[in-house]
């Protein structure tokens, strides 16, 4: 059985959310739509209250939230994993912890010497 375009979009949208570790609430805030809109997009097309996922929503979500770097995420059971995943989704830089690359430190500027008079 072949999937309809509407169903393929719904599954692609769901996959985008899962890959980026986003909740429905976070997705609604990123796309500037209501939570109920996201809920209706996530329902299968056989449901009476479902709405098709617009193409712009797929493209905008993919552009606004890049896939997190799996190297610095750690393991799903590790403490802080979901915090790092959400931070990566929203572009927030967290301090380094065990098993992750250290954050780059800013170089201190040397003090200026005063001219003698």
PDB file of N, CA and C in Angstrom:
ATOM      1  N   UNK A   1       0.836  -1.175   0.000  1.00  0.00           N
ATOM      2  CA  UNK A   1       0.000   0.000   0.000  1.00  0.00           C
ATOM      3  C   UNK A   1       0.882   1.240   0.000  1.00  0.00           C
ATOM      4  N   UNK A   2       0.592   2.169  -0.851  1.00  0.00           N
ATOM      5  CA  UNK A   2       1.361   3.391  -0.987  1.00  0.00           C
ATOM      6  C   UNK A   2       0.800   4.471  -0.052  1.00  0.00           C
ATOM      7  N   UNK A   3       1.712   5.248   0.549  1.00  0.00           N
ATOM      8  CA  UNK A   3       1.288   6.341   1.421  1.00  0.00           C
ATOM      9  C   UNK A   3       0.910   7.557   0.590  1.00  0.00           C
ATOM     10  N   UNK A   4      -0.059   8.304   1.092  1.00  0.00           N
ATOM     11  CA  UNK A   4      -0.444   9.540   0.409  1.00  0.00           C
ATOM     12  C   UNK A   4       0.597  10.624   0.705  1.00  0.00           C
ATOM     13  N   UNK A   5       0.570  11.677  -0.077  1.00  0.00           N
ATOM     14  CA  UNK A   5       1.494  12.797   0.146  1.00  0.00           C
ATOM     15  C   UNK A   5       1.267  13.387   1.532  1.00  0.00           C
ATOM     16  N   UNK A   6       0.014  13.506   1.905  1.00  0.00           N
ATOM     17  CA  UNK A   6      -0.335  14.054   3.216  1.00  0.00           C
ATOM     18  C   UNK A   6       0.272  13.225   4.346  1.00  0.00           C
ATOM     19  N   UNK A   7       0.172  11.909   4.227  1.00  0.00           N
ATOM     20  CA  UNK A   7       0.714  11.015   5.261  1.00  0.00           C
ATOM     21  C   UNK A   7       2.240  11.043   5.265  1.00  0.00           C
ATOM     22  N   UNK A   8       2.855  11.139   4.095  1.00  0.00           N
ATOM     23  CA  UNK A   8       4.323  11.233   4.025  1.00  0.00           C
ATOM     24  C   UNK A   8       4.825  12.506   4.693  1.00  0.00           C
ATOM     25  N   UNK A   9       4.104  13.609   4.488  1.00  0.00           N
ATOM     26  CA  UNK A   9       4.484  14.869   5.144  1.00  0.00           C
ATOM     27  C   UNK A   9       4.349  14.763   6.655  1.00  0.00           C
ATOM     28  N   UNK A  10       3.267  14.131   7.099  1.00  0.00           N
ATOM     29  CA  UNK A  10       3.058  13.985   8.544  1.00  0.00           C
ATOM     30  C   UNK A  10       4.188  13.169   9.167  1.00  0.00           C
ATOM     31  N   UNK A  11       4.567  12.090   8.518  1.00  0.00           N
ATOM     32  CA  UNK A  11       5.651  11.249   9.035  1.00  0.00           C
ATOM     33  C   UNK A  11       6.996  11.971   8.971  1.00  0.00           C
ATOM     34  N   UNK A  12       7.224  12.745   7.919  1.00  0.00           N
ATOM     35  CA  UNK A  12       8.465  13.514   7.811  1.00  0.00           C
ATOM     36  C   UNK A  12       8.538  14.575   8.906  1.00  0.00           C
ATOM     37  N   UNK A  13       7.410  15.216   9.187  1.00  0.00           N
ATOM     38  CA  UNK A  13       7.352  16.228  10.244  1.00  0.00           C
ATOM     39  C   UNK A  13       7.641  15.591  11.599  1.00  0.00           C
ATOM     40  N   UNK A  14       7.047  14.452  11.834  1.00  0.00           N
ATOM     41  CA  UNK A  14       7.279  13.728  13.093  1.00  0.00           C
ATOM     42  C   UNK A  14       8.749  13.330  13.227  1.00  0.00           C
ATOM     43  N   UNK A  15       9.357  12.877  12.138  1.00  0.00           N
ATOM     44  CA  UNK A  15      10.771  12.487  12.132  1.00  0.00           C
ATOM     45  C   UNK A  15      11.666  13.705  12.416  1.00  0.00           C
ATOM     46  N   UNK A  16      11.327  14.862  11.850  1.00  0.00           N
ATOM     47  CA  UNK A  16      12.093  16.088  12.120  1.00  0.00           C
ATOM     48  C   UNK A  16      12.065  16.423  13.611  1.00  0.00           C
ATOM     49  N   UNK A  17      10.891  16.307  14.206  1.00  0.00           N
ATOM     50  CA  UNK A  17      10.769  16.595  15.632  1.00  0.00           C
ATOM     51  C   UNK A  17      11.583  15.611  16.468  1.00  0.00           C
ATOM     52  N   UNK A  18      11.503  14.326  16.131  1.00  0.00           N
ATOM     53  CA  UNK A  18      12.239  13.310  16.890  1.00  0.00           C
ATOM     54  C   UNK A  18      13.750  13.480  16.751  1.00  0.00           C
ATOM     55  N   UNK A  19      14.218  13.716  15.530  1.00  0.00           N
ATOM     56  CA  UNK A  19      15.654  13.858  15.293  1.00  0.00           C
ATOM     57  C   UNK A  19      16.241  15.048  16.041  1.00  0.00           C
ATOM     58  N   UNK A  20      15.446  16.073  16.240  1.00  0.00           N
ATOM     59  CA  UNK A  20      15.923  17.281  16.896  1.00  0.00           C
ATOM     60  C   UNK A  20      15.577  17.311  18.382  1.00  0.00           C
ATOM     61  N   UNK A  21      14.885  16.285  18.849  1.00  0.00           N
ATOM     62  CA  UNK A  21      14.550  16.190  20.274  1.00  0.00           C
ATOM     63  C   UNK A  21      13.560  17.242  20.725  1.00  0.00           C
ATOM     64  N   UNK A  22      12.634  17.625  19.853  1.00  0.00           N
ATOM     65  CA  UNK A  22      11.677  18.682  20.168  1.00  0.00           C
ATOM     66  C   UNK A  22      10.352  18.111  20.644  1.00  0.00           C
ATOM     67  N   UNK A  23       9.765  18.809  21.593  1.00  0.00           N
ATOM     68  CA  UNK A  23       8.418  18.464  22.029  1.00  0.00           C
ATOM     69  C   UNK A  23       7.426  19.205  21.133  1.00  0.00           C
ATOM     70  N   UNK A  24       6.168  18.886  21.269  1.00  0.00           N
ATOM     71  CA  UNK A  24       5.147  19.585  20.483  1.00  0.00           C
ATOM     72  C   UNK A  24       5.081  21.060  20.882  1.00  0.00           C
ATOM     73  N   UNK A  25       5.249  21.322  22.184  1.00  0.00           N
ATOM     74  CA  UNK A  25       5.212  22.705  22.668  1.00  0.00           C
ATOM     75  C   UNK A  25       6.379  23.507  22.092  1.00  0.00           C
ATOM     76  N   UNK A  26       7.581  22.953  22.120  1.00  0.00           N
ATOM     77  CA  UNK A  26       8.746  23.639  21.560  1.00  0.00           C
ATOM     78  C   UNK A  26       8.566  23.874  20.058  1.00  0.00           C
ATOM     79  N   UNK A  27       8.034  22.890  19.363  1.00  0.00           N
ATOM     80  CA  UNK A  27       7.813  23.018  17.927  1.00  0.00           C
ATOM     81  C   UNK A  27       6.815  24.125  17.631  1.00  0.00           C
ATOM     82  N   UNK A  28       5.755  24.212  18.428  1.00  0.00           N
ATOM     83  CA  UNK A  28       4.762  25.264  18.195  1.00  0.00           C
ATOM     84  C   UNK A  28       5.372  26.645  18.417  1.00  0.00           C
ATOM     85  N   UNK A  29       6.260  26.784  19.397  1.00  0.00           N
ATOM     86  CA  UNK A  29       6.916  28.066  19.642  1.00  0.00           C
ATOM     87  C   UNK A  29       7.879  28.431  18.519  1.00  0.00           C
ATOM     88  N   UNK A  30       8.594  27.454  18.003  1.00  0.00           N
ATOM     89  CA  UNK A  30       9.548  27.710  16.923  1.00  0.00           C
ATOM     90  C   UNK A  30       8.823  28.138  15.649  1.00  0.00           C
ATOM     91  N   UNK A  31       7.710  27.476  15.332  1.00  0.00           N
ATOM     92  CA  UNK A  31       6.978  27.749  14.093  1.00  0.00           C
ATOM     93  C   UNK A  31       5.936  28.859  14.242  1.00  0.00           C
ATOM     94  N   UNK A  32       5.756  29.362  15.466  1.00  0.00           N
ATOM     95  CA  UNK A  32       4.789  30.431  15.747  1.00  0.00           C
ATOM     96  C   UNK A  32       3.371  30.019  15.361  1.00  0.00           C
ATOM     97  N   UNK A  33       3.004  28.806  15.774  1.00  0.00           N
ATOM     98  CA  UNK A  33       1.641  28.321  15.601  1.00  0.00           C
ATOM     99  C   UNK A  33       1.155  27.820  16.962  1.00  0.00           C
ATOM    100  N   UNK A  34      -0.124  27.587  17.092  1.00  0.00           N
ATOM    101  CA  UNK A  34      -0.653  27.127  18.373  1.00  0.00           C
ATOM    102  C   UNK A  34      -0.306  25.650  18.609  1.00  0.00           C
ATOM    103  N   UNK A  35      -0.361  25.277  19.879  1.00  0.00           N
ATOM    104  CA  UNK A  35      -0.115  23.894  20.260  1.00  0.00           C
ATOM    105  C   UNK A  35      -1.163  22.981  19.617  1.00  0.00           C
ATOM    106  N   UNK A  36      -2.408  23.456  19.556  1.00  0.00           N
ATOM    107  CA  UNK A  36      -3.485  22.663  18.947  1.00  0.00           C
ATOM    108  C   UNK A  36      -3.246  22.419  17.462  1.00  0.00           C
ATOM    109  N   UNK A  37      -2.612  23.378  16.790  1.00  0.00           N
ATOM    110  CA  UNK A  37      -2.284  23.200  15.378  1.00  0.00           C
ATOM    111  C   UNK A  37      -1.298  22.049  15.205  1.00  0.00           C
ATOM    112  N   UNK A  38      -0.272  22.018  16.065  1.00  0.00           N
ATOM    113  CA  UNK A  38       0.716  20.928  16.013  1.00  0.00           C
ATOM    114  C   UNK A  38       0.024  19.598  16.276  1.00  0.00           C
ATOM    115  N   UNK A  39      -0.878  19.571  17.269  1.00  0.00           N
ATOM    116  CA  UNK A  39      -1.605  18.338  17.576  1.00  0.00           C
ATOM    117  C   UNK A  39      -2.403  17.860  16.377  1.00  0.00           C
ATOM    118  N   UNK A  40      -3.053  18.791  15.672  1.00  0.00           N
ATOM    119  CA  UNK A  40      -3.870  18.375  14.521  1.00  0.00           C
ATOM    120  C   UNK A  40      -2.988  17.906  13.361  1.00  0.00           C
ATOM    121  N   UNK A  41      -1.787  18.474  13.235  1.00  0.00           N
ATOM    122  CA  UNK A  41      -0.860  18.025  12.187  1.00  0.00           C
ATOM    123  C   UNK A  41      -0.348  16.615  12.470  1.00  0.00           C
ATOM    124  N   UNK A  42      -0.224  16.265  13.750  1.00  0.00           N
ATOM    125  CA  UNK A  42       0.350  14.976  14.134  1.00  0.00           C
ATOM    126  C   UNK A  42      -0.651  13.823  14.037  1.00  0.00           C
ATOM    127  N   UNK A  43      -1.933  14.126  13.919  1.00  0.00           N
ATOM    128  CA  UNK A  43      -2.950  13.070  13.839  1.00  0.00           C
ATOM    129  C   UNK A  43      -2.952  12.448  12.447  1.00  0.00           C
ATOM    130  N   UNK A  44      -3.199  11.146  12.359  1.00  0.00           N
ATOM    131  CA  UNK A  44      -3.274  10.507  11.037  1.00  0.00           C
ATOM    132  C   UNK A  44      -4.450  11.066  10.235  1.00  0.00           C
ATOM    133  N   UNK A  45      -4.338  10.974   8.924  1.00  0.00           N
ATOM    134  CA  UNK A  45      -5.367  11.572   8.075  1.00  0.00           C
ATOM    135  C   UNK A  45      -6.730  10.903   8.220  1.00  0.00           C
ATOM    136  N   UNK A  46      -6.773   9.726   8.820  1.00  0.00           N
ATOM    137  CA  UNK A  46      -8.061   9.055   9.038  1.00  0.00           C
ATOM    138  C   UNK A  46      -8.843   9.701  10.179  1.00  0.00           C
ATOM    139  N   UNK A  47      -8.167  10.501  11.003  1.00  0.00           N
ATOM    140  CA  UNK A  47      -8.833  11.194  12.103  1.00  0.00           C
ATOM    141  C   UNK A  47      -9.631  12.377  11.561  1.00  0.00           C
ATOM    142  N   UNK A  48     -10.792  12.621  12.118  1.00  0.00           N
ATOM    143  CA  UNK A  48     -11.653  13.700  11.608  1.00  0.00           C
ATOM    144  C   UNK A  48     -11.084  15.083  11.907  1.00  0.00           C
ATOM    145  N   UNK A  49     -10.338  15.228  12.986  1.00  0.00           N
ATOM    146  CA  UNK A  49      -9.815  16.550  13.361  1.00  0.00           C
ATOM    147  C   UNK A  49      -8.372  16.766  12.917  1.00  0.00           C
ATOM    148  N   UNK A  50      -7.903  15.978  11.957  1.00  0.00           N
ATOM    149  CA  UNK A  50      -6.524  16.157  11.484  1.00  0.00           C
ATOM    150  C   UNK A  50      -6.466  17.215  10.399  1.00  0.00           C
ATOM    151  N   UNK A  51      -5.309  17.850  10.288  1.00  0.00           N
ATOM    152  CA  UNK A  51      -5.040  18.815   9.226  1.00  0.00           C
ATOM    153  C   UNK A  51      -3.712  18.429   8.584  1.00  0.00           C
ATOM    154  N   UNK A  52      -3.563  18.668   7.281  1.00  0.00           N
ATOM    155  CA  UNK A  52      -2.289  18.330   6.643  1.00  0.00           C
ATOM    156  C   UNK A  52      -1.164  19.255   7.093  1.00  0.00           C
ATOM    157  N   UNK A  53       0.037  18.710   7.180  1.00  0.00           N
ATOM    158  CA  UNK A  53       1.213  19.506   7.531  1.00  0.00           C
ATOM    159  C   UNK A  53       1.589  20.327   6.302  1.00  0.00           C
ATOM    160  N   UNK A  54       1.656  21.665   6.440  1.00  0.00           N
ATOM    161  CA  UNK A  54       2.043  22.465   5.281  1.00  0.00           C
ATOM    162  C   UNK A  54       3.520  22.278   4.946  1.00  0.00           C
ATOM    163  N   UNK A  55       3.848  22.414   3.679  1.00  0.00           N
ATOM    164  CA  UNK A  55       5.237  22.252   3.235  1.00  0.00           C
ATOM    165  C   UNK A  55       6.153  23.260   3.911  1.00  0.00           C
ATOM    166  N   UNK A  56       5.658  24.488   4.141  1.00  0.00           N
ATOM    167  CA  UNK A  56       6.490  25.516   4.774  1.00  0.00           C
ATOM    168  C   UNK A  56       6.906  25.113   6.188  1.00  0.00           C
ATOM    169  N   UNK A  57       6.050  24.365   6.887  1.00  0.00           N
ATOM    170  CA  UNK A  57       6.382  23.954   8.255  1.00  0.00           C
ATOM    171  C   UNK A  57       7.564  22.985   8.256  1.00  0.00           C
ATOM    172  N   UNK A  58       7.578  22.062   7.301  1.00  0.00           N
ATOM    173  CA  UNK A  58       8.708  21.126   7.186  1.00  0.00           C
ATOM    174  C   UNK A  58      10.008  21.873   6.897  1.00  0.00           C
ATOM    175  N   UNK A  59       9.953  22.780   5.924  1.00  0.00           N
ATOM    176  CA  UNK A  59      11.155  23.511   5.526  1.00  0.00           C
ATOM    177  C   UNK A  59      11.647  24.429   6.639  1.00  0.00           C
ATOM    178  N   UNK A  60      10.725  25.143   7.285  1.00  0.00           N
ATOM    179  CA  UNK A  60      11.111  26.084   8.326  1.00  0.00           C
ATOM    180  C   UNK A  60      11.706  25.367   9.540  1.00  0.00           C
ATOM    181  N   UNK A  61      11.118  24.272   9.937  1.00  0.00           N
ATOM    182  CA  UNK A  61      11.643  23.521  11.074  1.00  0.00           C
ATOM    183  C   UNK A  61      13.040  22.974  10.772  1.00  0.00           C
ATOM    184  N   UNK A  62      13.240  22.486   9.559  1.00  0.00           N
ATOM    185  CA  UNK A  62      14.562  21.966   9.179  1.00  0.00           C
ATOM    186  C   UNK A  62      15.609  23.073   9.152  1.00  0.00           C
ATOM    187  N   UNK A  63      15.216  24.271   8.741  1.00  0.00           N
ATOM    188  CA  UNK A  63      16.160  25.389   8.678  1.00  0.00           C
ATOM    189  C   UNK A  63      16.447  25.998  10.047  1.00  0.00           C
ATOM    190  N   UNK A  64      15.416  26.134  10.863  1.00  0.00           N
ATOM    191  CA  UNK A  64      15.583  26.806  12.152  1.00  0.00           C
ATOM    192  C   UNK A  64      16.284  25.957  13.201  1.00  0.00           C
ATOM    193  N   UNK A  65      16.111  24.650  13.124  1.00  0.00           N
ATOM    194  CA  UNK A  65      16.668  23.769  14.151  1.00  0.00           C
ATOM    195  C   UNK A  65      17.534  22.700  13.485  1.00  0.00           C
ATOM    196  N   UNK A  66      18.853  22.917  13.448  1.00  0.00           N
ATOM    197  CA  UNK A  66      19.716  21.903  12.833  1.00  0.00           C
ATOM    198  C   UNK A  66      19.778  20.638  13.680  1.00  0.00           C
ATOM    199  N   UNK A  67      20.162  19.554  13.065  1.00  0.00           N
ATOM    200  CA  UNK A  67      20.304  18.288  13.785  1.00  0.00           C
ATOM    201  C   UNK A  67      21.463  18.423  14.768  1.00  0.00           C
ATOM    202  N   UNK A  68      21.271  18.051  16.046  1.00  0.00           N
ATOM    203  CA  UNK A  68      22.343  18.168  17.025  1.00  0.00           C
ATOM    204  C   UNK A  68      23.525  17.265  16.692  1.00  0.00           C
ATOM    205  N   UNK A  69      24.707  17.697  17.109  1.00  0.00           N
ATOM    206  CA  UNK A  69      25.943  16.945  16.891  1.00  0.00           C
ATOM    207  C   UNK A  69      25.957  15.743  17.835  1.00  0.00           C
ATOM    208  N   UNK A  70      25.876  14.506  17.311  1.00  0.00           N
ATOM    209  CA  UNK A  70      25.808  13.334  18.189  1.00  0.00           C
ATOM    210  C   UNK A  70      27.094  13.090  18.971  1.00  0.00           C
ATOM    211  N   UNK A  71      28.218  13.621  18.527  1.00  0.00           N
ATOM    212  CA  UNK A  71      29.488  13.398  19.219  1.00  0.00           C
ATOM    213  C   UNK A  71      29.474  14.033  20.597  1.00  0.00           C
ATOM    214  N   UNK A  72      28.899  15.225  20.725  1.00  0.00           N
ATOM    215  CA  UNK A  72      28.915  15.947  21.991  1.00  0.00           C
ATOM    216  C   UNK A  72      27.650  15.771  22.819  1.00  0.00           C
ATOM    217  N   UNK A  73      26.746  14.899  22.393  1.00  0.00           N
ATOM    218  CA  UNK A  73      25.500  14.710  23.120  1.00  0.00           C
ATOM    219  C   UNK A  73      25.634  13.693  24.249  1.00  0.00           C
ATOM    220  N   UNK A  74      26.517  12.732  24.109  1.00  0.00           N
ATOM    221  CA  UNK A  74      26.614  11.674  25.098  1.00  0.00           C
ATOM    222  C   UNK A  74      25.623  10.567  24.784  1.00  0.00           C
ATOM    223  N   UNK A  75      25.278   9.796  25.788  1.00  0.00           N
ATOM    224  CA  UNK A  75      24.343   8.680  25.630  1.00  0.00           C
ATOM    225  C   UNK A  75      22.985   9.047  26.216  1.00  0.00           C
ATOM    226  N   UNK A  76      21.896   8.490  25.667  1.00  0.00           N
ATOM    227  CA  UNK A  76      20.564   8.824  26.173  1.00  0.00           C
ATOM    228  C   UNK A  76      20.372   8.578  27.664  1.00  0.00           C
ATOM    229  N   UNK A  77      21.033   7.612  28.259  1.00  0.00           N
ATOM    230  CA  UNK A  77      20.878   7.355  29.688  1.00  0.00           C
ATOM    231  C   UNK A  77      21.737   8.241  30.573  1.00  0.00           C
ATOM    232  N   UNK A  78      22.652   8.969  29.987  1.00  0.00           N
ATOM    233  CA  UNK A  78      23.589   9.801  30.732  1.00  0.00           C
ATOM    234  C   UNK A  78      22.879  11.027  31.326  1.00  0.00           C
ATOM    235  N   UNK A  79      23.321  11.424  32.505  1.00  0.00           N
ATOM    236  CA  UNK A  79      22.733  12.585  33.165  1.00  0.00           C
ATOM    237  C   UNK A  79      22.972  13.827  32.307  1.00  0.00           C
ATOM    238  N   UNK A  80      21.916  14.589  32.081  1.00  0.00           N
ATOM    239  CA  UNK A  80      22.021  15.831  31.321  1.00  0.00           C
ATOM    240  C   UNK A  80      21.886  15.667  29.820  1.00  0.00           C
ATOM    241  N   UNK A  81      21.656  14.443  29.356  1.00  0.00           N
ATOM    242  CA  UNK A  81      21.558  14.203  27.910  1.00  0.00           C
ATOM    243  C   UNK A  81      20.439  15.028  27.277  1.00  0.00           C
ATOM    244  N   UNK A  82      19.248  14.976  27.863  1.00  0.00           N
ATOM    245  CA  UNK A  82      18.113  15.685  27.283  1.00  0.00           C
ATOM    246  C   UNK A  82      18.292  17.195  27.386  1.00  0.00           C
ATOM    247  N   UNK A  83      18.973  17.654  28.430  1.00  0.00           N
ATOM    248  CA  UNK A  83      19.267  19.086  28.564  1.00  0.00           C
ATOM    249  C   UNK A  83      20.187  19.542  27.441  1.00  0.00           C
ATOM    250  N   UNK A  84      21.217  18.751  27.150  1.00  0.00           N
ATOM    251  CA  UNK A  84      22.140  19.098  26.067  1.00  0.00           C
ATOM    252  C   UNK A  84      21.451  19.027  24.721  1.00  0.00           C
ATOM    253  N   UNK A  85      20.556  18.045  24.551  1.00  0.00           N
ATOM    254  CA  UNK A  85      19.829  17.895  23.300  1.00  0.00           C
ATOM    255  C   UNK A  85      18.928  19.107  23.052  1.00  0.00           C
ATOM    256  N   UNK A  86      18.211  19.537  24.075  1.00  0.00           N
ATOM    257  CA  UNK A  86      17.345  20.715  23.942  1.00  0.00           C
ATOM    258  C   UNK A  86      18.174  21.977  23.713  1.00  0.00           C
ATOM    259  N   UNK A  87      19.307  22.084  24.402  1.00  0.00           N
ATOM    260  CA  UNK A  87      20.169  23.256  24.223  1.00  0.00           C
ATOM    261  C   UNK A  87      20.696  23.321  22.790  1.00  0.00           C
ATOM    262  N   UNK A  88      21.073  22.187  22.247  1.00  0.00           N
ATOM    263  CA  UNK A  88      21.566  22.150  20.866  1.00  0.00           C
ATOM    264  C   UNK A  88      20.456  22.528  19.895  1.00  0.00           C
ATOM    265  N   UNK A  89      19.241  22.103  20.186  1.00  0.00           N
ATOM    266  CA  UNK A  89      18.118  22.407  19.308  1.00  0.00           C
ATOM    267  C   UNK A  89      17.830  23.902  19.268  1.00  0.00           C
ATOM    268  N   UNK A  90      18.046  24.586  20.393  1.00  0.00           N
ATOM    269  CA  UNK A  90      17.770  26.013  20.458  1.00  0.00           C
ATOM    270  C   UNK A  90      19.022  26.869  20.300  1.00  0.00           C
ATOM    271  N   UNK A  91      20.163  26.240  20.018  1.00  0.00           N
ATOM    272  CA  UNK A  91      21.385  26.998  19.775  1.00  0.00           C
ATOM    273  C   UNK A  91      22.016  27.568  21.028  1.00  0.00           C
ATOM    274  N   UNK A  92      21.770  26.954  22.168  1.00  0.00           N
ATOM    275  CA  UNK A  92      22.331  27.432  23.431  1.00  0.00           C
ATOM    276  C   UNK A  92      23.627  26.685  23.701  1.00  0.00           C
ATOM    277  N   UNK A  93      24.672  27.404  24.072  1.00  0.00           N
ATOM    278  CA  UNK A  93      25.965  26.783  24.347  1.00  0.00           C
ATOM    279  C   UNK A  93      26.063  26.463  25.842  1.00  0.00           C
ATOM    280  N   UNK A  94      26.278  25.201  26.167  1.00  0.00           N
ATOM    281  CA  UNK A  94      26.412  24.762  27.552  1.00  0.00           C
ATOM    282  C   UNK A  94      27.879  24.580  27.901  1.00  0.00           C
ATOM    283  N   UNK A  95      28.230  24.712  29.187  1.00  0.00           N
ATOM    284  CA  UNK A  95      29.616  24.440  29.577  1.00  0.00           C
ATOM    285  C   UNK A  95      29.959  22.973  29.380  1.00  0.00           C
ATOM    286  N   UNK A  96      31.238  22.696  29.209  1.00  0.00           N
ATOM    287  CA  UNK A  96      31.695  21.327  28.970  1.00  0.00           C
ATOM    288  C   UNK A  96      31.502  20.479  30.221  1.00  0.00           C
ATOM    289  N   UNK A  97      31.314  19.204  30.009  1.00  0.00           N
ATOM    290  CA  UNK A  97      31.159  18.261  31.100  1.00  0.00           C
ATOM    291  C   UNK A  97      31.903  16.991  30.748  1.00  0.00           C
ATOM    292  N   UNK A  98      31.759  15.936  31.541  1.00  0.00           N
ATOM    293  CA  UNK A  98      32.467  14.699  31.256  1.00  0.00           C
ATOM    294  C   UNK A  98      32.036  14.092  29.923  1.00  0.00           C
ATOM    295  N   UNK A  99      33.016  13.706  29.125  1.00  0.00           N
ATOM    296  CA  UNK A  99      32.746  13.038  27.868  1.00  0.00           C
ATOM    297  C   UNK A  99      32.415  13.956  26.709  1.00  0.00           C
ATOM    298  N   UNK A 100      32.549  15.254  26.925  1.00  0.00           N
ATOM    299  CA  UNK A 100      32.263  16.195  25.848  1.00  0.00           C
ATOM    300  C   UNK A 100      33.467  17.101  25.630  1.00  0.00           C
ATOM    301  N   UNK A 101      33.515  17.697  24.459  1.00  0.00           N
ATOM    302  CA  UNK A 101      34.615  18.603  24.139  1.00  0.00           C
ATOM    303  C   UNK A 101      34.536  19.834  25.036  1.00  0.00           C
ATOM    304  N   UNK A 102      35.674  20.311  25.555  1.00  0.00           N
ATOM    305  CA  UNK A 102      35.642  21.491  26.419  1.00  0.00           C
ATOM    306  C   UNK A 102      35.252  22.743  25.630  1.00  0.00           C
ATOM    307  N   UNK A 103      34.602  23.661  26.322  1.00  0.00           N
ATOM    308  CA  UNK A 103      34.225  24.924  25.689  1.00  0.00           C
ATOM    309  C   UNK A 103      35.486  25.760  25.468  1.00  0.00           C
ATOM    310  N   UNK A 104      35.506  26.480  24.378  1.00  0.00           N
ATOM    311  CA  UNK A 104      36.663  27.318  24.090  1.00  0.00           C
ATOM    312  C   UNK A 104      36.665  28.515  25.019  1.00  0.00           C
ATOM    313  N   UNK A 105      37.823  28.789  25.610  1.00  0.00           N
ATOM    314  CA  UNK A 105      37.952  29.930  26.507  1.00  0.00           C
ATOM    315  C   UNK A 105      38.395  31.141  25.711  1.00  0.00           C
ATOM    316  N   UNK A 106      37.859  32.272  26.081  1.00  0.00           N
ATOM    317  CA  UNK A 106      38.255  33.515  25.423  1.00  0.00           C
ATOM    318  C   UNK A 106      39.641  33.911  25.926  1.00  0.00           C
ATOM    319  N   UNK A 107      40.481  34.369  25.016  1.00  0.00           N
ATOM    320  CA  UNK A 107      41.815  34.795  25.404  1.00  0.00           C
ATOM    321  C   UNK A 107      41.737  36.148  26.089  1.00  0.00           C
ATOM    322  N   UNK A 108      42.479  36.261  27.170  1.00  0.00           N
ATOM    323  CA  UNK A 108      42.526  37.533  27.887  1.00  0.00           C
ATOM    324  C   UNK A 108      43.435  38.498  27.132  1.00  0.00           C
ATOM    325  N   UNK A 109      42.984  39.741  27.022  1.00  0.00           N
ATOM    326  CA  UNK A 109      43.801  40.743  26.348  1.00  0.00           C
ATOM    327  C   UNK A 109      44.858  41.247  27.322  1.00  0.00           C
ATOM    328  N   UNK A 110      46.093  41.431  26.847  1.00  0.00           N
ATOM    329  CA  UNK A 110      47.128  41.949  27.737  1.00  0.00           C
ATOM    330  C   UNK A 110      46.817  43.389  28.128  1.00  0.00           C
ATOM    331  N   UNK A 111      47.198  43.726  29.330  1.00  0.00           N
ATOM    332  CA  UNK A 111      46.965  45.080  29.826  1.00  0.00           C
ATOM    333  C   UNK A 111      47.831  46.065  29.038  1.00  0.00           C
ATOM    334  N   UNK A 112      47.278  47.239  28.747  1.00  0.00           N
ATOM    335  CA  UNK A 112      48.024  48.243  28.021  1.00  0.00           C
ATOM    336  C   UNK A 112      49.026  48.915  28.959  1.00  0.00           C
ATOM    337  N   UNK A 113      50.208  49.155  28.430  1.00  0.00           N
ATOM    338  CA  UNK A 113      51.231  49.834  29.234  1.00  0.00           C
ATOM    339  C   UNK A 113      50.991  51.324  29.152  1.00  0.00           C
ATOM    340  N   UNK A 114      51.188  51.969  30.268  1.00  0.00           N
ATOM    341  CA  UNK A 114      51.019  53.410  30.313  1.00  0.00           C
ATOM    342  C   UNK A 114      52.311  54.074  29.856  1.00  0.00           C
ATOM    343  N   UNK A 115      52.150  55.106  29.113  1.00  0.00           N
ATOM    344  CA  UNK A 115      53.324  55.844  28.645  1.00  0.00           C
ATOM    345  C   UNK A 115      53.918  56.635  29.794  1.00  0.00           C
ATOM    346  N   UNK A 116      55.248  56.632  29.864  1.00  0.00           N
ATOM    347  CA  UNK A 116      55.933  57.393  30.927  1.00  0.00           C
ATOM    348  C   UNK A 116      56.032  58.836  30.494  1.00  0.00           C
ATOM    349  N   UNK A 117      55.920  59.697  31.436  1.00  0.00           N
ATOM    350  CA  UNK A 117      56.070  61.140  31.147  1.00  0.00           C
ATOM    351  C   UNK A 117      57.257  61.720  31.808  1.00  0.00           C
TER     352      UNK A 117
END
